[in-house]
Amino acid sequence: PVEDTRLLALGVLIVLALLLLARV
């Protein structure tokens, strides 16, 4: 299900980017 996969990928990207922004 492409849309579900896209949502999951975007969610993971946001979490990882926030962690990097927080200098984790």
mmCIF file of all heavy atoms, coordinates in Angstrom:
data_MODEL
# 
_entry.id   MODEL 
# 
loop_
_atom_site.group_PDB 
_atom_site.id 
_atom_site.type_symbol 
_atom_site.label_atom_id 
_atom_site.label_alt_id 
_atom_site.label_comp_id 
_atom_site.label_asym_id 
_atom_site.label_entity_id 
_atom_site.label_seq_id 
_atom_site.pdbx_PDB_ins_code 
_atom_site.Cartn_x 
_atom_site.Cartn_y 
_atom_site.Cartn_z 
_atom_site.occupancy 
_atom_site.B_iso_or_equiv 
_atom_site.pdbx_formal_charge 
_atom_site.auth_seq_id 
_atom_site.auth_comp_id 
_atom_site.auth_asym_id 
_atom_site.auth_atom_id 
_atom_site.pdbx_PDB_model_num 
ATOM 1   N N   . PRO A 1 1  ? 0.852  -1.201 0.000  1.00 0.00 ? 1  PRO A N   1 
ATOM 2   C CA  . PRO A 1 1  ? 0.000  0.000  0.000  1.00 0.00 ? 1  PRO A CA  1 
ATOM 3   C C   . PRO A 1 1  ? 0.888  1.251  0.000  1.00 0.00 ? 1  PRO A C   1 
ATOM 4   O O   . PRO A 1 1  ? 1.441  1.635  1.039  1.00 0.00 ? 1  PRO A O   1 
ATOM 5   C CB  . PRO A 1 1  ? -0.798 -0.121 1.304  1.00 0.00 ? 1  PRO A CB  1 
ATOM 6   C CG  . PRO A 1 1  ? 0.005  -1.029 2.177  1.00 0.00 ? 1  PRO A CG  1 
ATOM 7   C CD  . PRO A 1 1  ? 0.760  -1.946 1.257  1.00 0.00 ? 1  PRO A CD  1 
ATOM 8   N N   . VAL A 1 2  ? 1.045  1.862  -1.163 1.00 0.00 ? 2  VAL A N   1 
ATOM 9   C CA  . VAL A 1 2  ? 2.032  2.928  -1.352 1.00 0.00 ? 2  VAL A CA  1 
ATOM 10  C C   . VAL A 1 2  ? 1.808  4.098  -0.406 1.00 0.00 ? 2  VAL A C   1 
ATOM 11  O O   . VAL A 1 2  ? 2.756  4.632  0.177  1.00 0.00 ? 2  VAL A O   1 
ATOM 12  C CB  . VAL A 1 2  ? 2.011  3.418  -2.824 1.00 0.00 ? 2  VAL A CB  1 
ATOM 13  C CG1 . VAL A 1 2  ? 2.945  4.594  -3.007 1.00 0.00 ? 2  VAL A CG1 1 
ATOM 14  C CG2 . VAL A 1 2  ? 2.416  2.279  -3.738 1.00 0.00 ? 2  VAL A CG2 1 
ATOM 15  N N   . GLU A 1 3  ? 0.569  4.524  -0.224 1.00 0.00 ? 3  GLU A N   1 
ATOM 16  C CA  . GLU A 1 3  ? 0.300  5.689  0.609  1.00 0.00 ? 3  GLU A CA  1 
ATOM 17  C C   . GLU A 1 3  ? 0.689  5.423  2.057  1.00 0.00 ? 3  GLU A C   1 
ATOM 18  O O   . GLU A 1 3  ? 1.271  6.291  2.731  1.00 0.00 ? 3  GLU A O   1 
ATOM 19  C CB  . GLU A 1 3  ? -1.173 6.089  0.518  1.00 0.00 ? 3  GLU A CB  1 
ATOM 20  C CG  . GLU A 1 3  ? -1.466 7.500  0.966  1.00 0.00 ? 3  GLU A CG  1 
ATOM 21  C CD  . GLU A 1 3  ? -0.603 8.532  0.263  1.00 0.00 ? 3  GLU A CD  1 
ATOM 22  O OE1 . GLU A 1 3  ? -0.433 8.468  -0.959 1.00 0.00 ? 3  GLU A OE1 1 
ATOM 23  O OE2 . GLU A 1 3  ? -0.065 9.416  0.963  1.00 0.00 ? 3  GLU A OE2 1 
ATOM 24  N N   . ASP A 1 4  ? 0.404  4.215  2.559  1.00 0.00 ? 4  ASP A N   1 
ATOM 25  C CA  . ASP A 1 4  ? 0.791  3.861  3.926  1.00 0.00 ? 4  ASP A CA  1 
ATOM 26  C C   . ASP A 1 4  ? 2.312  3.870  4.081  1.00 0.00 ? 4  ASP A C   1 
ATOM 27  O O   . ASP A 1 4  ? 2.847  4.340  5.085  1.00 0.00 ? 4  ASP A O   1 
ATOM 28  C CB  . ASP A 1 4  ? 0.235  2.479  4.303  1.00 0.00 ? 4  ASP A CB  1 
ATOM 29  C CG  . ASP A 1 4  ? -1.285 2.476  4.421  1.00 0.00 ? 4  ASP A CG  1 
ATOM 30  O OD1 . ASP A 1 4  ? -1.869 3.577  4.454  1.00 0.00 ? 4  ASP A OD1 1 
ATOM 31  O OD2 . ASP A 1 4  ? -1.870 1.385  4.472  1.00 0.00 ? 4  ASP A OD2 1 
ATOM 32  N N   . THR A 1 5  ? 2.997  3.321  3.087  1.00 0.00 ? 5  THR A N   1 
ATOM 33  C CA  . THR A 1 5  ? 4.461  3.285  3.122  1.00 0.00 ? 5  THR A CA  1 
ATOM 34  C C   . THR A 1 5  ? 5.038  4.693  3.089  1.00 0.00 ? 5  THR A C   1 
ATOM 35  O O   . THR A 1 5  ? 6.006  5.005  3.787  1.00 0.00 ? 5  THR A O   1 
ATOM 36  C CB  . THR A 1 5  ? 4.995  2.486  1.921  1.00 0.00 ? 5  THR A CB  1 
ATOM 37  O OG1 . THR A 1 5  ? 4.345  1.219  1.887  1.00 0.00 ? 5  THR A OG1 1 
ATOM 38  C CG2 . THR A 1 5  ? 6.494  2.280  2.025  1.00 0.00 ? 5  THR A CG2 1 
ATOM 39  N N   . ARG A 1 6  ? 4.436  5.569  2.276  1.00 0.00 ? 6  ARG A N   1 
ATOM 40  C CA  . ARG A 1 6  ? 4.889  6.957  2.188  1.00 0.00 ? 6  ARG A CA  1 
ATOM 41  C C   . ARG A 1 6  ? 4.730  7.664  3.532  1.00 0.00 ? 6  ARG A C   1 
ATOM 42  O O   . ARG A 1 6  ? 5.640  8.368  3.988  1.00 0.00 ? 6  ARG A O   1 
ATOM 43  C CB  . ARG A 1 6  ? 4.083  7.685  1.111  1.00 0.00 ? 6  ARG A CB  1 
ATOM 44  C CG  . ARG A 1 6  ? 4.481  9.144  0.912  1.00 0.00 ? 6  ARG A CG  1 
ATOM 45  C CD  . ARG A 1 6  ? 3.599  9.794  -0.146 1.00 0.00 ? 6  ARG A CD  1 
ATOM 46  N NE  . ARG A 1 6  ? 3.917  11.198 -0.305 1.00 0.00 ? 6  ARG A NE  1 
ATOM 47  C CZ  . ARG A 1 6  ? 4.872  11.670 -1.073 1.00 0.00 ? 6  ARG A CZ  1 
ATOM 48  N NH1 . ARG A 1 6  ? 5.642  10.846 -1.753 1.00 0.00 ? 6  ARG A NH1 1 
ATOM 49  N NH2 . ARG A 1 6  ? 5.093  12.964 -1.179 1.00 0.00 ? 6  ARG A NH2 1 
ATOM 50  N N   . LEU A 1 7  ? 3.587  7.467  4.184  1.00 0.00 ? 7  LEU A N   1 
ATOM 51  C CA  . LEU A 1 7  ? 3.340  8.091  5.483  1.00 0.00 ? 7  LEU A CA  1 
ATOM 52  C C   . LEU A 1 7  ? 4.355  7.615  6.520  1.00 0.00 ? 7  LEU A C   1 
ATOM 53  O O   . LEU A 1 7  ? 4.866  8.405  7.311  1.00 0.00 ? 7  LEU A O   1 
ATOM 54  C CB  . LEU A 1 7  ? 1.921  7.786  5.958  1.00 0.00 ? 7  LEU A CB  1 
ATOM 55  C CG  . LEU A 1 7  ? 0.778  8.434  5.156  1.00 0.00 ? 7  LEU A CG  1 
ATOM 56  C CD1 . LEU A 1 7  ? -0.571 7.941  5.670  1.00 0.00 ? 7  LEU A CD1 1 
ATOM 57  C CD2 . LEU A 1 7  ? 0.849  9.945  5.244  1.00 0.00 ? 7  LEU A CD2 1 
ATOM 58  N N   . LEU A 1 8  ? 4.639  6.301  6.503  1.00 0.00 ? 8  LEU A N   1 
ATOM 59  C CA  . LEU A 1 8  ? 5.610  5.740  7.446  1.00 0.00 ? 8  LEU A CA  1 
ATOM 60  C C   . LEU A 1 8  ? 6.992  6.337  7.212  1.00 0.00 ? 8  LEU A C   1 
ATOM 61  O O   . LEU A 1 8  ? 7.671  6.758  8.157  1.00 0.00 ? 8  LEU A O   1 
ATOM 62  C CB  . LEU A 1 8  ? 5.664  4.219  7.288  1.00 0.00 ? 8  LEU A CB  1 
ATOM 63  C CG  . LEU A 1 8  ? 6.704  3.489  8.149  1.00 0.00 ? 8  LEU A CG  1 
ATOM 64  C CD1 . LEU A 1 8  ? 6.405  3.684  9.635  1.00 0.00 ? 8  LEU A CD1 1 
ATOM 65  C CD2 . LEU A 1 8  ? 6.748  2.006  7.807  1.00 0.00 ? 8  LEU A CD2 1 
ATOM 66  N N   . ALA A 1 9  ? 7.415  6.419  5.930  1.00 0.00 ? 9  ALA A N   1 
ATOM 67  C CA  . ALA A 1 9  ? 8.739  6.961  5.607  1.00 0.00 ? 9  ALA A CA  1 
ATOM 68  C C   . ALA A 1 9  ? 8.851  8.419  6.026  1.00 0.00 ? 9  ALA A C   1 
ATOM 69  O O   . ALA A 1 9  ? 9.869  8.844  6.594  1.00 0.00 ? 9  ALA A O   1 
ATOM 70  C CB  . ALA A 1 9  ? 9.008  6.808  4.108  1.00 0.00 ? 9  ALA A CB  1 
ATOM 71  N N   . LEU A 1 10 ? 7.818  9.202  5.764  1.00 0.00 ? 10 LEU A N   1 
ATOM 72  C CA  . LEU A 1 10 ? 7.841  10.623 6.139  1.00 0.00 ? 10 LEU A CA  1 
ATOM 73  C C   . LEU A 1 10 ? 7.891  10.786 7.655  1.00 0.00 ? 10 LEU A C   1 
ATOM 74  O O   . LEU A 1 10 ? 8.616  11.634 8.175  1.00 0.00 ? 10 LEU A O   1 
ATOM 75  C CB  . LEU A 1 10 ? 6.596  11.322 5.581  1.00 0.00 ? 10 LEU A CB  1 
ATOM 76  C CG  . LEU A 1 10 ? 6.598  11.581 4.071  1.00 0.00 ? 10 LEU A CG  1 
ATOM 77  C CD1 . LEU A 1 10 ? 5.210  11.987 3.593  1.00 0.00 ? 10 LEU A CD1 1 
ATOM 78  C CD2 . LEU A 1 10 ? 7.614  12.646 3.696  1.00 0.00 ? 10 LEU A CD2 1 
ATOM 79  N N   . GLY A 1 11 ? 7.129  9.959  8.379  1.00 0.00 ? 11 GLY A N   1 
ATOM 80  C CA  . GLY A 1 11 ? 7.132  10.020 9.840  1.00 0.00 ? 11 GLY A CA  1 
ATOM 81  C C   . GLY A 1 11 ? 8.496  9.712  10.424 1.00 0.00 ? 11 GLY A C   1 
ATOM 82  O O   . GLY A 1 11 ? 8.982  10.407 11.326 1.00 0.00 ? 11 GLY A O   1 
ATOM 83  N N   . VAL A 1 12 ? 9.154  8.668  9.893  1.00 0.00 ? 12 VAL A N   1 
ATOM 84  C CA  . VAL A 1 12 ? 10.486 8.288  10.363 1.00 0.00 ? 12 VAL A CA  1 
ATOM 85  C C   . VAL A 1 12 ? 11.496 9.404  10.061 1.00 0.00 ? 12 VAL A C   1 
ATOM 86  O O   . VAL A 1 12 ? 12.345 9.744  10.899 1.00 0.00 ? 12 VAL A O   1 
ATOM 87  C CB  . VAL A 1 12 ? 10.938 6.964  9.710  1.00 0.00 ? 12 VAL A CB  1 
ATOM 88  C CG1 . VAL A 1 12 ? 12.401 6.681  10.011 1.00 0.00 ? 12 VAL A CG1 1 
ATOM 89  C CG2 . VAL A 1 12 ? 10.067 5.816  10.203 1.00 0.00 ? 12 VAL A CG2 1 
ATOM 90  N N   . LEU A 1 13 ? 11.404 10.008 8.864  1.00 0.00 ? 13 LEU A N   1 
ATOM 91  C CA  . LEU A 1 13 ? 12.298 11.104 8.506  1.00 0.00 ? 13 LEU A CA  1 
ATOM 92  C C   . LEU A 1 13 ? 12.169 12.277 9.470  1.00 0.00 ? 13 LEU A C   1 
ATOM 93  O O   . LEU A 1 13 ? 13.169 12.852 9.910  1.00 0.00 ? 13 LEU A O   1 
ATOM 94  C CB  . LEU A 1 13 ? 11.980 11.584 7.087  1.00 0.00 ? 13 LEU A CB  1 
ATOM 95  C CG  . LEU A 1 13 ? 12.668 10.849 5.940  1.00 0.00 ? 13 LEU A CG  1 
ATOM 96  C CD1 . LEU A 1 13 ? 12.063 11.275 4.606  1.00 0.00 ? 13 LEU A CD1 1 
ATOM 97  C CD2 . LEU A 1 13 ? 14.158 11.112 5.947  1.00 0.00 ? 13 LEU A CD2 1 
ATOM 98  N N   . ILE A 1 14 ? 10.942 12.623 9.807  1.00 0.00 ? 14 ILE A N   1 
ATOM 99  C CA  . ILE A 1 14 ? 10.717 13.754 10.714 1.00 0.00 ? 14 ILE A CA  1 
ATOM 100 C C   . ILE A 1 14 ? 11.312 13.466 12.092 1.00 0.00 ? 14 ILE A C   1 
ATOM 101 O O   . ILE A 1 14 ? 11.979 14.315 12.687 1.00 0.00 ? 14 ILE A O   1 
ATOM 102 C CB  . ILE A 1 14 ? 9.207  14.055 10.829 1.00 0.00 ? 14 ILE A CB  1 
ATOM 103 C CG1 . ILE A 1 14 ? 8.687  14.627 9.495  1.00 0.00 ? 14 ILE A CG1 1 
ATOM 104 C CG2 . ILE A 1 14 ? 8.932  15.054 11.948 1.00 0.00 ? 14 ILE A CG2 1 
ATOM 105 C CD1 . ILE A 1 14 ? 7.179  14.748 9.428  1.00 0.00 ? 14 ILE A CD1 1 
ATOM 106 N N   . VAL A 1 15 ? 11.093 12.250 12.603 1.00 0.00 ? 15 VAL A N   1 
ATOM 107 C CA  . VAL A 1 15 ? 11.614 11.881 13.925 1.00 0.00 ? 15 VAL A CA  1 
ATOM 108 C C   . VAL A 1 15 ? 13.141 11.932 13.932 1.00 0.00 ? 15 VAL A C   1 
ATOM 109 O O   . VAL A 1 15 ? 13.757 12.507 14.844 1.00 0.00 ? 15 VAL A O   1 
ATOM 110 C CB  . VAL A 1 15 ? 11.113 10.483 14.332 1.00 0.00 ? 15 VAL A CB  1 
ATOM 111 C CG1 . VAL A 1 15 ? 11.845 10.001 15.583 1.00 0.00 ? 15 VAL A CG1 1 
ATOM 112 C CG2 . VAL A 1 15 ? 9.609  10.509 14.588 1.00 0.00 ? 15 VAL A CG2 1 
ATOM 113 N N   . LEU A 1 16 ? 13.777 11.345 12.896 1.00 0.00 ? 16 LEU A N   1 
ATOM 114 C CA  . LEU A 1 16 ? 15.239 11.332 12.847 1.00 0.00 ? 16 LEU A CA  1 
ATOM 115 C C   . LEU A 1 16 ? 15.802 12.749 12.696 1.00 0.00 ? 16 LEU A C   1 
ATOM 116 O O   . LEU A 1 16 ? 16.813 13.091 13.317 1.00 0.00 ? 16 LEU A O   1 
ATOM 117 C CB  . LEU A 1 16 ? 15.707 10.454 11.682 1.00 0.00 ? 16 LEU A CB  1 
ATOM 118 C CG  . LEU A 1 16 ? 15.494 8.947  11.841 1.00 0.00 ? 16 LEU A CG  1 
ATOM 119 C CD1 . LEU A 1 16 ? 15.910 8.208  10.582 1.00 0.00 ? 16 LEU A CD1 1 
ATOM 120 C CD2 . LEU A 1 16 ? 16.249 8.401  13.043 1.00 0.00 ? 16 LEU A CD2 1 
ATOM 121 N N   . ALA A 1 17 ? 15.150 13.578 11.870 1.00 0.00 ? 17 ALA A N   1 
ATOM 122 C CA  . ALA A 1 17 ? 15.616 14.960 11.701 1.00 0.00 ? 17 ALA A CA  1 
ATOM 123 C C   . ALA A 1 17 ? 15.487 15.741 13.001 1.00 0.00 ? 17 ALA A C   1 
ATOM 124 O O   . ALA A 1 17 ? 16.362 16.550 13.342 1.00 0.00 ? 17 ALA A O   1 
ATOM 125 C CB  . ALA A 1 17 ? 14.824 15.633 10.585 1.00 0.00 ? 17 ALA A CB  1 
ATOM 126 N N   . LEU A 1 18 ? 14.410 15.525 13.744 1.00 0.00 ? 18 LEU A N   1 
ATOM 127 C CA  . LEU A 1 18 ? 14.241 16.194 15.034 1.00 0.00 ? 18 LEU A CA  1 
ATOM 128 C C   . LEU A 1 18 ? 15.321 15.758 16.022 1.00 0.00 ? 18 LEU A C   1 
ATOM 129 O O   . LEU A 1 18 ? 15.846 16.582 16.778 1.00 0.00 ? 18 LEU A O   1 
ATOM 130 C CB  . LEU A 1 18 ? 12.852 15.891 15.609 1.00 0.00 ? 18 LEU A CB  1 
ATOM 131 C CG  . LEU A 1 18 ? 11.674 16.636 14.952 1.00 0.00 ? 18 LEU A CG  1 
ATOM 132 C CD1 . LEU A 1 18 ? 10.344 16.069 15.441 1.00 0.00 ? 18 LEU A CD1 1 
ATOM 133 C CD2 . LEU A 1 18 ? 11.752 18.132 15.250 1.00 0.00 ? 18 LEU A CD2 1 
ATOM 134 N N   . LEU A 1 19 ? 15.673 14.472 16.009 1.00 0.00 ? 19 LEU A N   1 
ATOM 135 C CA  . LEU A 1 19 ? 16.737 13.975 16.888 1.00 0.00 ? 19 LEU A CA  1 
ATOM 136 C C   . LEU A 1 19 ? 18.076 14.627 16.544 1.00 0.00 ? 19 LEU A C   1 
ATOM 137 O O   . LEU A 1 19 ? 18.842 15.007 17.425 1.00 0.00 ? 19 LEU A O   1 
ATOM 138 C CB  . LEU A 1 19 ? 16.840 12.450 16.779 1.00 0.00 ? 19 LEU A CB  1 
ATOM 139 C CG  . LEU A 1 19 ? 15.699 11.645 17.418 1.00 0.00 ? 19 LEU A CG  1 
ATOM 140 C CD1 . LEU A 1 19 ? 15.844 10.162 17.087 1.00 0.00 ? 19 LEU A CD1 1 
ATOM 141 C CD2 . LEU A 1 19 ? 15.665 11.843 18.931 1.00 0.00 ? 19 LEU A CD2 1 
ATOM 142 N N   . LEU A 1 20 ? 18.345 14.755 15.226 1.00 0.00 ? 20 LEU A N   1 
ATOM 143 C CA  . LEU A 1 20 ? 19.589 15.406 14.810 1.00 0.00 ? 20 LEU A CA  1 
ATOM 144 C C   . LEU A 1 20 ? 19.590 16.883 15.183 1.00 0.00 ? 20 LEU A C   1 
ATOM 145 O O   . LEU A 1 20 ? 20.615 17.431 15.595 1.00 0.00 ? 20 LEU A O   1 
ATOM 146 C CB  . LEU A 1 20 ? 19.779 15.252 13.298 1.00 0.00 ? 20 LEU A CB  1 
ATOM 147 C CG  . LEU A 1 20 ? 20.164 13.859 12.800 1.00 0.00 ? 20 LEU A CG  1 
ATOM 148 C CD1 . LEU A 1 20 ? 20.184 13.824 11.282 1.00 0.00 ? 20 LEU A CD1 1 
ATOM 149 C CD2 . LEU A 1 20 ? 21.517 13.429 13.347 1.00 0.00 ? 20 LEU A CD2 1 
ATOM 150 N N   . LEU A 1 21 ? 18.436 17.524 15.049 1.00 0.00 ? 21 LEU A N   1 
ATOM 151 C CA  . LEU A 1 21 ? 18.326 18.938 15.415 1.00 0.00 ? 21 LEU A CA  1 
ATOM 152 C C   . LEU A 1 21 ? 18.565 19.125 16.910 1.00 0.00 ? 21 LEU A C   1 
ATOM 153 O O   . LEU A 1 21 ? 19.122 20.138 17.347 1.00 0.00 ? 21 LEU A O   1 
ATOM 154 C CB  . LEU A 1 21 ? 16.939 19.462 15.031 1.00 0.00 ? 21 LEU A CB  1 
ATOM 155 C CG  . LEU A 1 21 ? 16.755 20.983 14.953 1.00 0.00 ? 21 LEU A CG  1 
ATOM 156 C CD1 . LEU A 1 21 ? 17.711 21.613 13.956 1.00 0.00 ? 21 LEU A CD1 1 
ATOM 157 C CD2 . LEU A 1 21 ? 15.314 21.318 14.575 1.00 0.00 ? 21 LEU A CD2 1 
ATOM 158 N N   . ALA A 1 22 ? 18.159 18.128 17.706 1.00 0.00 ? 22 ALA A N   1 
ATOM 159 C CA  . ALA A 1 22 ? 18.372 18.155 19.151 1.00 0.00 ? 22 ALA A CA  1 
ATOM 160 C C   . ALA A 1 22 ? 19.786 17.697 19.527 1.00 0.00 ? 22 ALA A C   1 
ATOM 161 O O   . ALA A 1 22 ? 20.101 17.544 20.708 1.00 0.00 ? 22 ALA A O   1 
ATOM 162 C CB  . ALA A 1 22 ? 17.336 17.282 19.845 1.00 0.00 ? 22 ALA A CB  1 
ATOM 163 N N   . ARG A 1 23 ? 20.615 17.435 18.500 1.00 0.00 ? 23 ARG A N   1 
ATOM 164 C CA  . ARG A 1 23 ? 22.016 17.025 18.674 1.00 0.00 ? 23 ARG A CA  1 
ATOM 165 C C   . ARG A 1 23 ? 22.153 15.674 19.364 1.00 0.00 ? 23 ARG A C   1 
ATOM 166 O O   . ARG A 1 23 ? 23.097 15.437 20.124 1.00 0.00 ? 23 ARG A O   1 
ATOM 167 C CB  . ARG A 1 23 ? 22.804 18.094 19.425 1.00 0.00 ? 23 ARG A CB  1 
ATOM 168 C CG  . ARG A 1 23 ? 22.851 19.420 18.682 1.00 0.00 ? 23 ARG A CG  1 
ATOM 169 C CD  . ARG A 1 23 ? 23.753 20.418 19.354 1.00 0.00 ? 23 ARG A CD  1 
ATOM 170 N NE  . ARG A 1 23 ? 23.804 21.663 18.585 1.00 0.00 ? 23 ARG A NE  1 
ATOM 171 C CZ  . ARG A 1 23 ? 24.538 22.712 18.930 1.00 0.00 ? 23 ARG A CZ  1 
ATOM 172 N NH1 . ARG A 1 23 ? 25.274 22.668 20.028 1.00 0.00 ? 23 ARG A NH1 1 
ATOM 173 N NH2 . ARG A 1 23 ? 24.529 23.802 18.195 1.00 0.00 ? 23 ARG A NH2 1 
ATOM 174 N N   . VAL A 1 24 ? 21.199 14.788 19.107 1.00 0.00 ? 24 VAL A N   1 
ATOM 175 C CA  . VAL A 1 24 ? 21.308 13.408 19.569 1.00 0.00 ? 24 VAL A CA  1 
ATOM 176 C C   . VAL A 1 24 ? 22.173 12.661 18.554 1.00 0.00 ? 24 VAL A C   1 
ATOM 177 O O   . VAL A 1 24 ? 21.835 12.595 17.372 1.00 0.00 ? 24 VAL A O   1 
ATOM 178 C CB  . VAL A 1 24 ? 19.916 12.742 19.674 1.00 0.00 ? 24 VAL A CB  1 
ATOM 179 C CG1 . VAL A 1 24 ? 20.059 11.268 20.037 1.00 0.00 ? 24 VAL A CG1 1 
ATOM 180 C CG2 . VAL A 1 24 ? 19.070 13.476 20.706 1.00 0.00 ? 24 VAL A CG2 1 
# 
